[in-house]
Amino acid sequence: MSIVAHTALFDAIHAAYQQGACIAGTSAGAAIMSETMITGNQLKDSVYRATFNRLEHQNLETAKGLGLIKSAIIDQHFVKRSRYNRLFTALAEFPDKTCIGIDEELLSSFDRIP
């Protein structure tokens, strides 16, 4: 987001969206759609972990996303990287937002159902 913010690309994405274009992404590309984006960092733990090791108030670092989705926060690799604590922390910090966990592995699992 730091590369896209305040650029012509940011403006073009918003203009296309306002005109009805479908803007899509996977992984960080999905998470960046939200107005409030999870950075992945714990504020109270200096070591990066793929998931949060505990639920703790004011432990979630967020940043401004593209702002295409105002009412939800999206977290990626949700099941694969066991990011339950991270998304529950987001829900506790932003109770007015819908918190959505997406995972690429779930989609591919449906292909294997007999």
Protein backbone atom coordinates (compact mmCIF):
# COMPACT_ATOMS: atom_id res chain seq x y z
CA MET A 1 0.00 0.00 0.00
CA SER A 2 2.92 2.34 0.68
CA ILE A 3 3.86 2.06 -3.01
CA VAL A 4 0.32 2.69 -4.30
CA ALA A 5 -0.90 5.41 -1.90
CA HIS A 6 -1.09 8.93 -3.30
CA THR A 7 -0.33 7.83 -6.86
CA ALA A 8 -2.10 7.89 -10.20
CA LEU A 9 -2.53 4.12 -9.85
CA PHE A 10 -4.50 4.59 -6.62
CA ASP A 11 -6.72 7.14 -8.35
CA ALA A 12 -7.17 4.88 -11.39
CA ILE A 13 -8.21 1.92 -9.23
CA HIS A 14 -10.79 4.06 -7.43
CA ALA A 15 -12.08 5.58 -10.67
CA ALA A 16 -12.48 2.14 -12.25
CA TYR A 17 -14.23 0.83 -9.13
CA GLN A 18 -16.63 3.78 -9.08
CA GLN A 19 -17.47 3.05 -12.72
CA GLY A 20 -18.36 -0.54 -11.85
CA ALA A 21 -15.13 -2.38 -12.60
CA CYS A 22 -14.47 -5.59 -10.71
CA ILE A 23 -11.34 -5.17 -8.60
CA ALA A 24 -10.03 -8.48 -7.26
CA GLY A 25 -7.03 -9.92 -5.49
CA THR A 26 -5.80 -12.91 -3.60
CA SER A 27 -3.65 -12.93 -0.50
CA ALA A 28 -2.39 -9.38 0.13
CA GLY A 29 -4.35 -8.29 -2.94
CA ALA A 30 -7.56 -9.19 -1.12
CA ALA A 31 -6.48 -7.73 2.23
CA ILE A 32 -5.57 -4.39 0.64
CA MET A 33 -9.17 -3.92 -0.57
CA SER A 34 -10.31 -2.97 2.95
CA GLU A 35 -10.19 0.51 4.38
CA THR A 36 -8.52 -1.00 7.44
CA MET A 37 -5.83 -3.53 6.53
CA ILE A 38 -4.03 -5.98 8.83
CA THR A 39 -0.27 -5.55 8.45
CA GLY A 40 0.52 -8.88 10.10
CA ASN A 41 2.58 -7.42 12.92
CA GLN A 42 1.79 -7.85 16.59
CA LEU A 43 2.34 -4.61 18.48
CA LYS A 44 3.38 -6.44 21.65
CA ASP A 45 5.73 -8.99 20.10
CA SER A 46 8.83 -7.92 18.19
CA VAL A 47 9.12 -11.28 16.42
CA TYR A 48 6.98 -11.74 13.30
CA ARG A 49 4.84 -14.87 13.40
CA ALA A 50 2.48 -16.16 10.71
CA THR A 51 -0.22 -16.19 13.36
CA PHE A 52 -0.70 -14.49 16.69
CA ASN A 53 0.26 -16.69 19.63
CA ARG A 54 -2.43 -15.14 21.84
CA LEU A 55 -5.45 -12.85 21.90
CA GLU A 56 -4.46 -9.56 23.44
CA HIS A 57 -6.08 -6.13 23.42
CA GLN A 58 -4.28 -3.45 21.38
CA ASN A 59 -1.90 -5.99 19.82
CA LEU A 60 -2.99 -5.62 16.19
CA GLU A 61 -1.11 -3.36 13.81
CA THR A 62 -3.26 -2.03 10.99
CA ALA A 63 -2.69 0.33 8.11
CA LYS A 64 -4.86 2.17 5.64
CA GLY A 65 -5.81 -0.01 2.70
CA LEU A 66 -7.34 0.97 -0.64
CA GLY A 67 -10.66 1.67 1.05
CA LEU A 68 -12.80 -0.09 -1.53
CA ILE A 69 -14.43 -2.13 1.23
CA LYS A 70 -15.38 0.07 4.17
CA SER A 71 -17.27 -2.35 6.39
CA ALA A 72 -14.94 -5.37 6.49
CA ILE A 73 -11.40 -6.46 7.30
CA ILE A 74 -9.98 -9.31 5.24
CA ASP A 75 -7.25 -11.66 6.45
CA GLN A 76 -5.55 -14.05 4.06
CA HIS A 77 -4.13 -17.60 4.35
CA PHE A 78 -6.60 -17.93 7.20
CA VAL A 79 -6.78 -21.70 7.68
CA LYS A 80 -3.40 -22.63 6.20
CA ARG A 81 -1.52 -20.34 8.61
CA SER A 82 -3.99 -20.69 11.51
CA ARG A 83 -4.73 -16.98 11.76
CA TYR A 84 -7.74 -17.33 14.04
CA ASN A 85 -6.21 -15.32 16.89
CA ARG A 86 -5.23 -12.56 14.48
CA LEU A 87 -8.71 -12.20 13.04
CA PHE A 88 -10.38 -12.51 16.46
CA THR A 89 -8.08 -9.70 17.62
CA ALA A 90 -9.23 -7.61 14.64
CA LEU A 91 -12.84 -8.31 15.58
CA ALA A 92 -12.19 -7.21 19.17
CA GLU A 93 -10.40 -4.04 18.02
CA PHE A 94 -12.96 -3.20 15.31
CA PRO A 95 -16.35 -4.54 16.47
CA ASP A 96 -18.12 -2.45 13.84
CA LYS A 97 -16.35 -4.34 11.01
CA THR A 98 -17.15 -7.72 9.50
CA CYS A 99 -13.98 -9.81 9.71
CA ILE A 100 -13.45 -12.23 6.83
CA GLY A 101 -10.83 -14.97 6.69
CA ILE A 102 -9.99 -16.30 3.22
CA ASP A 103 -7.79 -19.22 2.26
CA GLU A 104 -6.63 -20.48 -1.10
CA GLU A 105 -6.44 -24.04 0.13
CA LEU A 106 -10.17 -24.16 0.81
CA LEU A 107 -10.91 -23.39 -2.81
CA SER A 108 -8.66 -26.13 -4.09
CA SER A 109 -10.18 -28.57 -1.56
CA PHE A 110 -13.55 -28.31 -3.30
CA ASP A 111 -11.94 -29.62 -6.49
CA ARG A 112 -11.13 -32.88 -4.68
CA ILE A 113 -14.62 -33.58 -3.34
CA PRO A 114 -15.92 -36.74 -5.08
